[in-house]
Amino acid sequence: MRVASVLPSATEILCFIGGERLLVGRSHEDNFPPQITSLPVITGQTTTFTTAAEVDRVVSDSIGKGQSLYTLDAPLIESLSPDVILTQDICSVCAIDLQTVERLPAQKTPR
């Protein structure tokens, strides 16, 4: 099984239970355990901030427009051929939103 994770906490849990060898891709925010940092990064962020007020303004504006705060490298994910992508559907500010991840199959080239 090949696993990609776009959620750092899921990556840590997978590694804790012995699944580190299954990982083929990780979030740009994943940095633990340290040995996974050499894996390909499949997400990115669309924002940069310098002040708390700027965080609030940019995040509120993006969410208000229905825009994700994160990017997903669909061609890289396709090349990694994961069987499973670990994600979440609780907070679109804390991590990439589920809808962005769910669009991946529609973009995938049939085998």
Protein backbone atom coordinates (compact mmCIF):
# COMPACT_ATOMS: atom_id res chain seq x y z
CA MET A 1 0.00 0.00 0.00
CA ARG A 2 1.16 3.53 -0.87
CA VAL A 3 0.03 6.41 1.36
CA ALA A 4 0.20 10.17 0.89
CA SER A 5 -0.63 12.43 3.82
CA VAL A 6 -1.77 16.05 3.70
CA LEU A 7 -2.30 16.20 7.46
CA PRO A 8 0.71 16.28 9.80
CA SER A 9 -1.10 14.65 12.73
CA ALA A 10 -2.16 11.74 10.50
CA THR A 11 1.41 11.37 9.28
CA GLU A 12 2.68 11.20 12.86
CA ILE A 13 0.06 8.62 13.85
CA LEU A 14 0.81 6.48 10.79
CA CYS A 15 4.52 6.53 11.62
CA PHE A 16 3.87 5.84 15.32
CA ILE A 17 1.95 2.66 14.49
CA GLY A 18 4.70 1.44 12.16
CA GLY A 19 3.43 2.67 8.79
CA GLU A 20 6.28 5.01 7.92
CA ARG A 21 7.45 2.69 5.12
CA LEU A 22 4.04 3.18 3.44
CA LEU A 23 4.43 6.95 3.03
CA VAL A 24 5.20 8.22 -0.46
CA GLY A 25 4.29 11.92 -0.05
CA ARG A 26 3.73 14.46 2.71
CA SER A 27 2.38 17.88 3.57
CA HIS A 28 4.61 20.96 3.46
CA GLU A 29 3.96 21.20 7.21
CA ASP A 30 5.13 17.66 8.02
CA ASN A 31 8.41 17.64 9.92
CA PHE A 32 8.03 14.71 12.34
CA PRO A 33 9.35 12.16 12.58
CA PRO A 34 12.49 13.71 11.08
CA GLN A 35 13.15 10.79 8.72
CA ILE A 36 10.06 11.65 6.62
CA THR A 37 11.37 15.09 5.64
CA SER A 38 13.10 13.60 2.60
CA LEU A 39 9.74 12.51 1.12
CA PRO A 40 8.18 14.55 -1.70
CA VAL A 41 6.07 17.53 -0.56
CA ILE A 42 2.60 17.42 -2.14
CA THR A 43 1.04 20.55 -0.60
CA GLY A 44 1.92 24.20 -0.27
CA GLN A 45 0.45 27.37 1.16
CA THR A 46 -1.01 30.25 -0.81
CA THR A 47 -0.43 32.85 1.89
CA THR A 48 2.33 34.57 3.82
CA PHE A 49 1.88 36.73 6.87
CA THR A 50 3.81 39.21 8.96
CA THR A 51 1.21 40.32 11.53
CA ALA A 52 -1.81 38.86 13.27
CA ALA A 53 -4.02 41.46 11.59
CA GLU A 54 -2.70 40.38 8.21
CA VAL A 55 -3.41 36.73 9.04
CA ASP A 56 -7.00 37.61 9.88
CA ARG A 57 -7.49 39.74 6.77
CA VAL A 58 -5.96 37.30 4.28
CA VAL A 59 -7.58 34.19 5.76
CA SER A 60 -11.00 35.83 6.04
CA ASP A 61 -10.77 37.15 2.48
CA SER A 62 -9.71 33.79 1.05
CA ILE A 63 -12.34 31.80 2.94
CA GLY A 64 -14.98 34.38 2.03
CA LYS A 65 -14.17 33.88 -1.66
CA GLY A 66 -14.24 30.09 -1.28
CA GLN A 67 -10.52 29.85 -2.01
CA SER A 68 -8.28 27.27 -0.41
CA LEU A 69 -5.37 28.48 1.69
CA TYR A 70 -3.32 25.56 0.40
CA THR A 71 -2.19 24.10 -2.90
CA LEU A 72 -2.07 20.47 -3.92
CA ASP A 73 0.46 19.24 -6.47
CA ALA A 74 -1.84 16.97 -8.52
CA PRO A 75 0.80 15.92 -11.10
CA LEU A 76 3.22 14.94 -8.33
CA ILE A 77 0.51 13.02 -6.48
CA GLU A 78 -0.40 11.19 -9.67
CA SER A 79 3.24 10.27 -10.23
CA LEU A 80 3.48 8.93 -6.66
CA SER A 81 0.39 6.75 -7.23
CA PRO A 82 -0.88 6.63 -3.65
CA ASP A 83 -3.61 4.13 -2.84
CA VAL A 84 -4.78 6.31 0.05
CA ILE A 85 -4.56 10.01 0.88
CA LEU A 86 -4.82 10.87 4.56
CA THR A 87 -6.74 14.12 5.05
CA GLN A 88 -9.42 15.75 7.22
CA ASP A 89 -12.75 17.57 6.95
CA ILE A 90 -12.85 19.64 10.13
CA CYS A 91 -11.02 22.87 9.35
CA SER A 92 -10.12 24.45 6.00
CA VAL A 93 -7.80 26.91 7.76
CA CYS A 94 -5.73 24.36 9.69
CA ALA A 95 -5.04 22.05 6.74
CA ILE A 96 -5.99 21.59 3.11
CA ASP A 97 -9.75 21.32 2.62
CA LEU A 98 -11.39 18.01 1.77
CA GLN A 99 -13.00 19.35 -1.42
CA THR A 100 -9.59 20.12 -2.93
CA VAL A 101 -8.41 16.58 -2.17
CA GLU A 102 -11.65 15.08 -3.49
CA ARG A 103 -11.13 16.80 -6.87
CA LEU A 104 -7.98 14.75 -7.48
CA PRO A 105 -9.69 11.69 -9.03
CA ALA A 106 -11.39 13.93 -11.61
CA GLN A 107 -7.98 15.28 -12.66
CA LYS A 108 -6.31 11.88 -12.79
CA THR A 109 -5.26 10.34 -16.08
CA PRO A 110 -6.91 6.92 -16.48
CA ARG A 111 -4.52 3.95 -16.48
